[in-house]
């Protein structure tokens, strides 16, 4: 006879894709303030629920660990590692691509603005 309780527990451990509590140790809440500001910037409440912020932080850290695993093969972490992780989730991939192109446009605009300010400074 076999013990049915041991079979069920071994199945859940083997088939689980969730990281275990001991798979990575980190100090919780490190990104809390930053995430609250980002969440507010994307339309959330100015003071989101602590549980929501904790969940978002867990998701971000999980993505960072996965991207770090991918980047460790090359020795460094890059934006492309994160894009690789979400390559099959087209809405996420499209949004990230859009935000990255907007970031580049803003960088170019700031650069052009700085050049214009320098020209004004030399005219005075």
C-alpha atoms as a PDB file:
ATOM      1  CA  UNK A   1       0.000   0.000   0.000  1.00  0.00           C
ATOM      2  CA  UNK A   2       1.113   3.499  -0.653  1.00  0.00           C
ATOM      3  CA  UNK A   3       0.534   6.598   1.399  1.00  0.00           C
ATOM      4  CA  UNK A   4      -1.760   8.942  -0.593  1.00  0.00           C
ATOM      5  CA  UNK A   5      -0.610  12.054   1.235  1.00  0.00           C
ATOM      6  CA  UNK A   6       3.016  11.702   0.086  1.00  0.00           C
ATOM      7  CA  UNK A   7       2.017  11.318  -3.553  1.00  0.00           C
ATOM      8  CA  UNK A   8       0.049  14.545  -3.612  1.00  0.00           C
ATOM      9  CA  UNK A   9       2.733  16.601  -1.938  1.00  0.00           C
ATOM     10  CA  UNK A  10       5.506  15.361  -4.222  1.00  0.00           C
ATOM     11  CA  UNK A  11       3.391  16.146  -7.280  1.00  0.00           C
ATOM     12  CA  UNK A  12       2.825  19.746  -6.259  1.00  0.00           C
ATOM     13  CA  UNK A  13       6.522  20.285  -5.601  1.00  0.00           C
ATOM     14  CA  UNK A  14       7.661  18.785  -8.897  1.00  0.00           C
ATOM     15  CA  UNK A  15       5.114  20.472 -11.147  1.00  0.00           C
ATOM     16  CA  UNK A  16       5.147  23.871  -9.466  1.00  0.00           C
ATOM     17  CA  UNK A  17       6.485  26.774 -11.513  1.00  0.00           C
ATOM     18  CA  UNK A  18       6.287  29.154  -8.549  1.00  0.00           C
ATOM     19  CA  UNK A  19       9.586  30.002  -6.877  1.00  0.00           C
ATOM     20  CA  UNK A  20       9.849  28.590  -3.391  1.00  0.00           C
ATOM     21  CA  UNK A  21      10.208  30.824  -0.360  1.00  0.00           C
ATOM     22  CA  UNK A  22      13.833  29.750  -0.004  1.00  0.00           C
ATOM     23  CA  UNK A  23      14.797  30.009  -3.681  1.00  0.00           C
ATOM     24  CA  UNK A  24      15.846  33.625  -3.216  1.00  0.00           C
ATOM     25  CA  UNK A  25      16.188  35.696  -0.089  1.00  0.00           C
ATOM     26  CA  UNK A  26      15.636  39.424  -0.307  1.00  0.00           C
ATOM     27  CA  UNK A  27      14.580  42.304   1.809  1.00  0.00           C
ATOM     28  CA  UNK A  28      10.922  43.009   1.112  1.00  0.00           C
ATOM     29  CA  UNK A  29       9.714  46.545   0.565  1.00  0.00           C
ATOM     30  CA  UNK A  30      12.951  47.874  -0.923  1.00  0.00           C
ATOM     31  CA  UNK A  31      11.153  49.136  -4.036  1.00  0.00           C
ATOM     32  CA  UNK A  32       7.912  50.095  -2.300  1.00  0.00           C
ATOM     33  CA  UNK A  33       8.143  53.895  -2.633  1.00  0.00           C
ATOM     34  CA  UNK A  34       9.356  53.738  -6.228  1.00  0.00           C
ATOM     35  CA  UNK A  35       6.599  51.315  -7.184  1.00  0.00           C
ATOM     36  CA  UNK A  36       3.950  53.455  -5.496  1.00  0.00           C
ATOM     37  CA  UNK A  37       5.079  56.465  -7.538  1.00  0.00           C
ATOM     38  CA  UNK A  38       5.167  54.431 -10.740  1.00  0.00           C
ATOM     39  CA  UNK A  39       1.734  52.957 -10.069  1.00  0.00           C
ATOM     40  CA  UNK A  40       0.331  56.435  -9.460  1.00  0.00           C
ATOM     41  CA  UNK A  41       1.976  57.648 -12.667  1.00  0.00           C
ATOM     42  CA  UNK A  42       0.191  54.890 -14.549  1.00  0.00           C
ATOM     43  CA  UNK A  43      -3.201  55.814 -13.107  1.00  0.00           C
ATOM     44  CA  UNK A  44      -3.428  54.060  -9.755  1.00  0.00           C
ATOM     45  CA  UNK A  45      -4.397  55.683  -6.471  1.00  0.00           C
ATOM     46  CA  UNK A  46      -1.751  57.975  -4.895  1.00  0.00           C
ATOM     47  CA  UNK A  47      -1.672  55.596  -1.909  1.00  0.00           C
ATOM     48  CA  UNK A  48      -2.242  52.056  -3.248  1.00  0.00           C
ATOM     49  CA  UNK A  49      -2.925  49.178  -0.903  1.00  0.00           C
ATOM     50  CA  UNK A  50       0.246  47.728   0.654  1.00  0.00           C
ATOM     51  CA  UNK A  51      -0.790  44.263  -0.552  1.00  0.00           C
ATOM     52  CA  UNK A  52      -0.967  45.529  -4.125  1.00  0.00           C
ATOM     53  CA  UNK A  53       2.459  47.137  -3.926  1.00  0.00           C
ATOM     54  CA  UNK A  54       3.890  43.941  -2.407  1.00  0.00           C
ATOM     55  CA  UNK A  55       2.410  41.859  -5.225  1.00  0.00           C
ATOM     56  CA  UNK A  56       3.786  44.194  -7.906  1.00  0.00           C
ATOM     57  CA  UNK A  57       7.168  44.115  -6.180  1.00  0.00           C
ATOM     58  CA  UNK A  58       7.147  40.301  -6.182  1.00  0.00           C
ATOM     59  CA  UNK A  59       6.347  40.271  -9.905  1.00  0.00           C
ATOM     60  CA  UNK A  60       9.088  42.797 -10.695  1.00  0.00           C
ATOM     61  CA  UNK A  61      11.680  40.897  -8.679  1.00  0.00           C
ATOM     62  CA  UNK A  62      10.675  37.621 -10.316  1.00  0.00           C
ATOM     63  CA  UNK A  63      11.118  39.142 -13.793  1.00  0.00           C
ATOM     64  CA  UNK A  64      14.451  40.632 -12.722  1.00  0.00           C
ATOM     65  CA  UNK A  65      15.699  37.239 -11.517  1.00  0.00           C
ATOM     66  CA  UNK A  66      14.625  35.549 -14.739  1.00  0.00           C
ATOM     67  CA  UNK A  67      16.242  38.277 -16.841  1.00  0.00           C
ATOM     68  CA  UNK A  68      19.387  38.016 -14.743  1.00  0.00           C
ATOM     69  CA  UNK A  69      19.525  34.277 -15.468  1.00  0.00           C
ATOM     70  CA  UNK A  70      19.340  35.037 -19.187  1.00  0.00           C
ATOM     71  CA  UNK A  71      21.870  37.875 -18.972  1.00  0.00           C
ATOM     72  CA  UNK A  72      24.341  35.877 -16.911  1.00  0.00           C
ATOM     73  CA  UNK A  73      25.236  33.886 -20.019  1.00  0.00           C
ATOM     74  CA  UNK A  74      26.653  37.100 -21.527  1.00  0.00           C
ATOM     75  CA  UNK A  75      27.843  38.517 -18.238  1.00  0.00           C
ATOM     76  CA  UNK A  76      25.528  41.518 -18.095  1.00  0.00           C
ATOM     77  CA  UNK A  77      21.853  42.388 -17.827  1.00  0.00           C
ATOM     78  CA  UNK A  78      20.197  44.389 -20.604  1.00  0.00           C
ATOM     79  CA  UNK A  79      16.797  45.582 -21.773  1.00  0.00           C
ATOM     80  CA  UNK A  80      16.855  42.864 -24.412  1.00  0.00           C
ATOM     81  CA  UNK A  81      16.825  40.226 -21.650  1.00  0.00           C
ATOM     82  CA  UNK A  82      13.495  41.564 -20.401  1.00  0.00           C
ATOM     83  CA  UNK A  83      12.114  41.805 -23.944  1.00  0.00           C
ATOM     84  CA  UNK A  84      13.138  38.191 -24.496  1.00  0.00           C
ATOM     85  CA  UNK A  85      11.143  37.149 -21.421  1.00  0.00           C
ATOM     86  CA  UNK A  86       7.938  38.757 -22.696  1.00  0.00           C
ATOM     87  CA  UNK A  87       8.394  37.957 -26.389  1.00  0.00           C
ATOM     88  CA  UNK A  88       5.346  35.647 -26.445  1.00  0.00           C
ATOM     89  CA  UNK A  89       3.068  38.124 -24.640  1.00  0.00           C
ATOM     90  CA  UNK A  90       2.390  40.543 -27.510  1.00  0.00           C
ATOM     91  CA  UNK A  91       0.476  43.212 -25.539  1.00  0.00           C
ATOM     92  CA  UNK A  92       3.341  43.480 -23.026  1.00  0.00           C
ATOM     93  CA  UNK A  93       5.968  43.382 -25.759  1.00  0.00           C
ATOM     94  CA  UNK A  94       4.216  46.074 -27.797  1.00  0.00           C
ATOM     95  CA  UNK A  95       3.786  48.313 -24.747  1.00  0.00           C
ATOM     96  CA  UNK A  96       7.435  47.927 -23.757  1.00  0.00           C
ATOM     97  CA  UNK A  97       8.561  48.671 -27.297  1.00  0.00           C
ATOM     98  CA  UNK A  98       6.336  51.753 -27.358  1.00  0.00           C
ATOM     99  CA  UNK A  99       7.694  52.989 -24.013  1.00  0.00           C
ATOM    100  CA  UNK A 100      11.290  52.387 -25.095  1.00  0.00           C
ATOM    101  CA  UNK A 101      10.780  54.377 -28.289  1.00  0.00           C
ATOM    102  CA  UNK A 102       9.150  57.202 -26.296  1.00  0.00           C
ATOM    103  CA  UNK A 103      12.128  57.152 -23.941  1.00  0.00           C
ATOM    104  CA  UNK A 104      14.463  57.526 -26.914  1.00  0.00           C
ATOM    105  CA  UNK A 105      12.386  60.402 -28.318  1.00  0.00           C
ATOM    106  CA  UNK A 106      12.498  62.186 -24.951  1.00  0.00           C
ATOM    107  CA  UNK A 107      16.245  61.671 -24.752  1.00  0.00           C
ATOM    108  CA  UNK A 108      16.684  63.218 -28.202  1.00  0.00           C
ATOM    109  CA  UNK A 109      14.393  66.138 -27.316  1.00  0.00           C
ATOM    110  CA  UNK A 110      16.342  66.832 -24.117  1.00  0.00           C
ATOM    111  CA  UNK A 111      19.593  66.718 -26.062  1.00  0.00           C
ATOM    112  CA  UNK A 112      18.244  69.160 -28.651  1.00  0.00           C
ATOM    113  CA  UNK A 113      16.954  71.434 -25.887  1.00  0.00           C
ATOM    114  CA  UNK A 114      20.362  71.455 -24.175  1.00  0.00           C
ATOM    115  CA  UNK A 115      22.057  72.368 -27.468  1.00  0.00           C
ATOM    116  CA  UNK A 116      19.603  75.248 -27.944  1.00  0.00           C
ATOM    117  CA  UNK A 117      20.298  76.531 -24.417  1.00  0.00           C
ATOM    118  CA  UNK A 118      24.043  76.418 -25.070  1.00  0.00           C
ATOM    119  CA  UNK A 119      23.592  78.487 -28.243  1.00  0.00           C
ATOM    120  CA  UNK A 120      21.536  81.051 -26.309  1.00  0.00           C
ATOM    121  CA  UNK A 121      24.224  81.254 -23.657  1.00  0.00           C
ATOM    122  CA  UNK A 122      26.924  82.055 -26.224  1.00  0.00           C
ATOM    123  CA  UNK A 123      24.793  84.817 -27.804  1.00  0.00           C
ATOM    124  CA  UNK A 124      24.424  86.740 -24.555  1.00  0.00           C
END
